[in-house]
């Protein structure tokens, strides 16, 4: 990609631990209701060998005044455009849940329109794009949406119990769920890179077979990593996830 973006004005990308030493950049895509700061600890652990760029969607944290985007294709277009000027080394993508699907779609755009393809895609906690599920969580009332957040975990219970905070955030969370639940995969070329799919062994939102189907979406090698835990297995397996990422990228030492 050509270096043209003004980093100071790019609200889409958070770079918590910039380093010129990194051989590889890792762009991270949050889950539905998530934000760039979810990847702060991962960024710190990967530095300085890998520089992490965390995507910030509209409608949350420093972008809370902006309207959420309720369409994965539109969101992918805007993230792809926002990344212009940031990628100056071999780049990999990591996406969790909704972020996995979005990372795949941005990766397709990178491969189609740019002269630099991904070196690796890490798809976490989400079925392969070609494995459609009928989901209608975004159509439920607030109580139903909160019940789903409690079911899958990953949300501070104090937040769910605080009516003012909860009511402030639910519209954003609902918009993200609408985006991912109305996504429909369009057939096209596979990614010209390896894919590593990751999931927790007790994740209630996806099956191993659905995750293993990510193998259909790459021409490179496919790897499946299963960790103990639920949908948000990443926190309790932080060190192993870091080792998986680091050991999968070119010219990176295997940590641990």
Protein backbone atom coordinates (compact mmCIF):
# COMPACT_ATOMS: atom_id res chain seq x y z
CA UNK A 1 0.00 0.00 0.00
CA UNK A 2 1.14 3.55 -0.73
CA UNK A 3 1.93 5.65 2.34
CA UNK A 4 -0.62 8.43 2.01
CA UNK A 5 -2.74 8.48 5.17
CA UNK A 6 -2.43 11.03 7.96
CA UNK A 7 -2.16 8.74 10.97
CA UNK A 8 -3.14 11.44 13.44
CA UNK A 9 -6.46 11.92 11.69
CA UNK A 10 -7.31 8.26 11.09
CA UNK A 11 -9.91 7.36 13.72
CA UNK A 12 -10.22 3.83 12.37
CA UNK A 13 -6.83 2.54 13.51
CA UNK A 14 -5.32 2.42 17.01
CA UNK A 15 -1.63 1.61 17.26
CA UNK A 16 -0.88 1.11 20.95
CA UNK A 17 2.74 -0.04 20.72
CA UNK A 18 4.36 1.38 17.56
CA UNK A 19 7.70 -0.14 16.69
CA UNK A 20 10.00 0.18 13.72
CA UNK A 21 11.61 -3.15 14.67
CA UNK A 22 8.61 -5.27 13.71
CA UNK A 23 8.97 -7.51 10.67
CA UNK A 24 5.19 -8.01 10.45
CA UNK A 25 2.03 -6.04 11.17
CA UNK A 26 -1.10 -7.64 12.60
CA UNK A 27 -4.44 -5.91 12.01
CA UNK A 28 -7.01 -6.92 14.65
CA UNK A 29 -10.80 -6.79 14.18
CA UNK A 30 -13.06 -6.73 17.28
CA UNK A 31 -16.17 -8.82 17.93
CA UNK A 32 -19.74 -7.49 17.88
CA UNK A 33 -19.98 -4.86 20.60
CA UNK A 34 -16.20 -4.82 20.92
CA UNK A 35 -13.66 -2.04 20.49
CA UNK A 36 -10.02 -1.56 19.57
CA UNK A 37 -8.94 -1.59 23.22
CA UNK A 38 -9.88 -5.28 23.43
CA UNK A 39 -6.55 -5.94 21.71
CA UNK A 40 -4.35 -3.76 23.93
CA UNK A 41 -2.93 -6.69 25.91
CA UNK A 42 -2.34 -8.70 22.75
CA UNK A 43 -0.53 -5.73 21.19
CA UNK A 44 1.70 -5.36 24.24
CA UNK A 45 2.58 -9.06 24.26
CA UNK A 46 3.44 -9.18 20.54
CA UNK A 47 5.63 -6.06 20.53
CA UNK A 48 8.27 -5.36 19.42
CA UNK A 49 8.48 -8.29 16.99
CA UNK A 50 4.97 -7.75 15.62
CA UNK A 51 3.24 -4.37 15.40
CA UNK A 52 -0.49 -4.52 16.12
CA UNK A 53 -3.04 -2.24 14.46
CA UNK A 54 -6.46 -2.45 16.14
CA UNK A 55 -9.52 -1.43 14.14
CA UNK A 56 -12.00 0.91 15.83
CA UNK A 57 -15.53 0.67 14.42
CA UNK A 58 -17.83 3.72 14.52
CA UNK A 59 -20.22 4.07 17.45
CA UNK A 60 -17.96 3.19 20.41
CA UNK A 61 -15.33 4.68 22.71
CA UNK A 62 -13.69 7.67 20.97
CA UNK A 63 -16.15 7.25 18.05
CA UNK A 64 -19.31 7.01 20.15
CA UNK A 65 -20.94 10.00 18.45
CA UNK A 66 -20.73 8.34 15.02
CA UNK A 67 -23.43 6.21 13.49
CA UNK A 68 -22.77 2.47 13.52
CA UNK A 69 -22.44 0.61 10.23
CA UNK A 70 -24.97 -2.21 9.98
CA UNK A 71 -23.63 -3.91 6.84
CA UNK A 72 -20.47 -6.03 6.73
CA UNK A 73 -19.74 -5.21 3.08
CA UNK A 74 -19.92 -1.47 3.71
CA UNK A 75 -17.85 -1.82 6.87
CA UNK A 76 -15.23 -3.85 4.99
CA UNK A 77 -15.03 -1.20 2.27
CA UNK A 78 -14.43 1.53 4.82
CA UNK A 79 -11.87 -0.44 6.85
CA UNK A 80 -9.98 -1.30 3.66
CA UNK A 81 -9.87 2.37 2.68
CA UNK A 82 -8.82 3.38 6.20
CA UNK A 83 -5.89 0.95 6.19
CA UNK A 84 -4.33 2.71 3.21
CA UNK A 85 -1.09 4.25 4.38
CA UNK A 86 -0.74 2.08 7.47
CA UNK A 87 0.47 -1.19 5.96
CA UNK A 88 4.15 -0.92 5.11
CA UNK A 89 5.34 -4.45 5.99
CA UNK A 90 4.02 -7.98 5.50
CA UNK A 91 0.58 -7.99 7.11
CA UNK A 92 -1.65 -10.56 8.80
CA UNK A 93 -5.24 -10.19 10.05
CA UNK A 94 -6.75 -11.45 13.32
CA UNK A 95 -10.51 -11.28 13.84
CA UNK A 96 -12.67 -12.60 16.65
CA UNK A 97 -16.33 -13.55 16.11
CA UNK A 98 -17.85 -10.85 13.86
CA UNK A 99 -14.30 -9.60 13.43
CA UNK A 100 -13.26 -12.88 11.79
CA UNK A 101 -15.83 -12.47 9.03
CA UNK A 102 -14.92 -8.81 8.59
CA UNK A 103 -11.19 -9.64 8.46
CA UNK A 104 -11.91 -12.17 5.72
CA UNK A 105 -13.85 -9.61 3.67
CA UNK A 106 -11.17 -6.93 4.07
CA UNK A 107 -8.58 -9.55 3.13
CA UNK A 108 -10.48 -10.26 -0.08
CA UNK A 109 -10.42 -6.56 -0.92
CA UNK A 110 -6.71 -6.33 -0.19
CA UNK A 111 -6.04 -9.27 -2.48
CA UNK A 112 -8.30 -7.91 -5.24
CA UNK A 113 -7.27 -4.27 -5.29
CA UNK A 114 -3.77 -4.05 -3.89
CA UNK A 115 -0.37 -5.45 -4.72
CA UNK A 116 0.08 -6.84 -1.22
CA UNK A 117 -1.80 -9.93 -0.06
CA UNK A 118 -2.13 -11.22 3.48
CA UNK A 119 0.57 -13.47 4.86
CA UNK A 120 -1.91 -15.09 7.30
CA UNK A 121 -5.51 -14.88 8.48
CA UNK A 122 -6.41 -15.82 12.05
CA UNK A 123 -10.16 -16.49 12.31
CA UNK A 124 -11.36 -16.84 15.90
CA UNK A 125 -14.68 -17.96 17.32
CA UNK A 126 -16.71 -17.78 14.10
CA UNK A 127 -18.01 -20.21 11.53
CA UNK A 128 -16.54 -20.06 8.04
CA UNK A 129 -18.19 -17.47 5.75
CA UNK A 130 -19.73 -20.22 3.64
CA UNK A 131 -21.47 -21.76 6.68
CA UNK A 132 -24.56 -19.61 7.11
CA UNK A 133 -26.57 -19.68 10.34
CA UNK A 134 -29.96 -18.11 10.75
CA UNK A 135 -29.57 -15.78 13.72
CA UNK A 136 -31.98 -13.09 14.92
CA UNK A 137 -30.45 -11.74 18.11
CA UNK A 138 -30.55 -8.19 16.74
CA UNK A 139 -34.35 -8.46 16.51
CA UNK A 140 -34.82 -9.36 20.18
CA UNK A 141 -35.85 -6.84 22.81
CA UNK A 142 -33.28 -5.41 25.20
CA UNK A 143 -33.82 -8.18 27.74
CA UNK A 144 -33.24 -10.80 25.06
CA UNK A 145 -30.07 -9.10 23.87
CA UNK A 146 -28.73 -8.86 27.43
CA UNK A 147 -29.56 -12.53 27.98
CA UNK A 148 -27.41 -13.43 24.96
CA UNK A 149 -24.53 -11.33 26.24
CA UNK A 150 -24.73 -13.14 29.56
CA UNK A 151 -24.87 -16.51 27.79
CA UNK A 152 -21.71 -16.06 25.77
CA UNK A 153 -19.74 -14.24 28.47
CA UNK A 154 -16.99 -11.73 27.81
CA UNK A 155 -19.00 -8.75 29.10
CA UNK A 156 -18.37 -7.40 32.59
CA UNK A 157 -21.41 -8.31 34.67
CA UNK A 158 -21.24 -4.92 36.42
CA UNK A 159 -21.81 -3.32 33.03
CA UNK A 160 -24.84 -5.52 32.33
CA UNK A 161 -26.25 -4.70 35.77
CA UNK A 162 -25.78 -0.93 35.38
CA UNK A 163 -28.95 0.27 33.66
CA UNK A 164 -27.53 3.59 32.46
CA UNK A 165 -24.38 2.11 30.90
CA UNK A 166 -26.31 -0.82 29.47
CA UNK A 167 -28.93 1.37 27.84
CA UNK A 168 -26.20 3.56 26.35
CA UNK A 169 -24.34 0.65 24.75
CA UNK A 170 -27.17 -1.65 23.64
CA UNK A 171 -27.98 0.24 20.41
CA UNK A 172 -24.35 -0.11 19.30
CA UNK A 173 -24.27 -3.81 20.18
CA UNK A 174 -27.57 -4.38 18.38
CA UNK A 175 -26.20 -2.67 15.26
CA UNK A 176 -23.16 -4.96 15.25
CA UNK A 177 -25.36 -8.02 15.61
CA UNK A 178 -27.50 -6.81 12.72
CA UNK A 179 -24.39 -6.41 10.56
CA UNK A 180 -23.11 -9.93 11.16
CA UNK A 181 -26.51 -11.66 11.21
CA UNK A 182 -27.52 -10.19 7.86
CA UNK A 183 -24.18 -11.02 6.22
CA UNK A 184 -24.33 -13.41 3.27
CA UNK A 185 -21.20 -14.87 1.75
CA UNK A 186 -20.66 -14.23 -1.96
CA UNK A 187 -18.56 -16.88 -3.66
CA UNK A 188 -15.23 -15.79 -5.03
CA UNK A 189 -11.51 -16.54 -5.03
CA UNK A 190 -9.98 -18.02 -1.89
CA UNK A 191 -7.38 -16.11 0.07
CA UNK A 192 -3.83 -16.72 -1.12
CA UNK A 193 -2.50 -17.26 2.38
CA UNK A 194 -2.68 -19.75 5.25
CA UNK A 195 -5.64 -19.58 7.61
CA UNK A 196 -5.52 -20.54 11.27
CA UNK A 197 -8.96 -21.01 12.82
CA UNK A 198 -9.21 -20.80 16.61
CA UNK A 199 -12.05 -21.56 19.01
CA UNK A 200 -12.89 -22.50 22.56
CA UNK A 201 -13.97 -26.09 23.09
CA UNK A 202 -17.16 -25.04 24.90
CA UNK A 203 -18.11 -22.09 22.67
CA UNK A 204 -21.93 -22.09 22.50
CA UNK A 205 -22.05 -20.02 19.31
CA UNK A 206 -20.25 -22.29 16.85
CA UNK A 207 -19.33 -25.92 16.20
CA UNK A 208 -15.94 -27.40 15.39
CA UNK A 209 -17.20 -28.46 11.94
CA UNK A 210 -18.33 -24.91 11.18
CA UNK A 211 -14.94 -23.53 12.18
CA UNK A 212 -13.02 -26.26 10.31
CA UNK A 213 -14.80 -25.13 7.13
CA UNK A 214 -12.48 -22.10 7.02
CA UNK A 215 -10.18 -24.53 5.17
CA UNK A 216 -12.37 -23.96 2.10
CA UNK A 217 -11.40 -20.30 1.97
CA UNK A 218 -7.63 -20.43 1.50
CA UNK A 219 -5.17 -21.79 -1.01
CA UNK A 220 -2.43 -22.00 1.60
CA UNK A 221 -2.19 -24.40 4.54
CA UNK A 222 -5.03 -24.57 7.06
CA UNK A 223 -4.61 -25.01 10.81
CA UNK A 224 -7.22 -25.57 13.51
CA UNK A 225 -6.44 -24.67 17.12
CA UNK A 226 -8.87 -25.59 19.90
CA UNK A 227 -8.46 -24.04 23.35
CA UNK A 228 -10.23 -24.72 26.64
CA UNK A 229 -13.00 -22.23 27.26
CA UNK A 230 -16.06 -20.60 25.78
CA UNK A 231 -16.65 -17.90 23.20
CA UNK A 232 -14.15 -15.58 24.87
CA UNK A 233 -11.49 -18.20 25.45
CA UNK A 234 -8.77 -15.69 24.52
CA UNK A 235 -8.36 -14.11 27.97
CA UNK A 236 -7.75 -17.38 29.81
CA UNK A 237 -5.44 -18.67 27.05
CA UNK A 238 -3.59 -15.44 26.36
CA UNK A 239 -0.07 -16.91 26.35
CA UNK A 240 -1.05 -19.80 24.06
CA UNK A 241 -2.81 -17.47 21.63
CA UNK A 242 0.27 -15.25 21.52
CA UNK A 243 2.45 -18.28 20.80
CA UNK A 244 0.07 -19.39 18.05
CA UNK A 245 0.20 -16.01 16.34
CA UNK A 246 3.93 -15.46 16.73
CA UNK A 247 4.84 -18.97 15.63
CA UNK A 248 2.66 -18.70 12.52
CA UNK A 249 4.10 -15.53 11.06
CA UNK A 250 7.23 -15.27 8.92
CA UNK A 251 10.54 -14.51 10.63
CA UNK A 252 8.96 -14.57 14.08
CA UNK A 253 10.27 -16.52 17.05
CA UNK A 254 7.92 -18.97 18.74
CA UNK A 255 7.37 -17.41 22.16
CA UNK A 256 7.60 -19.61 25.21
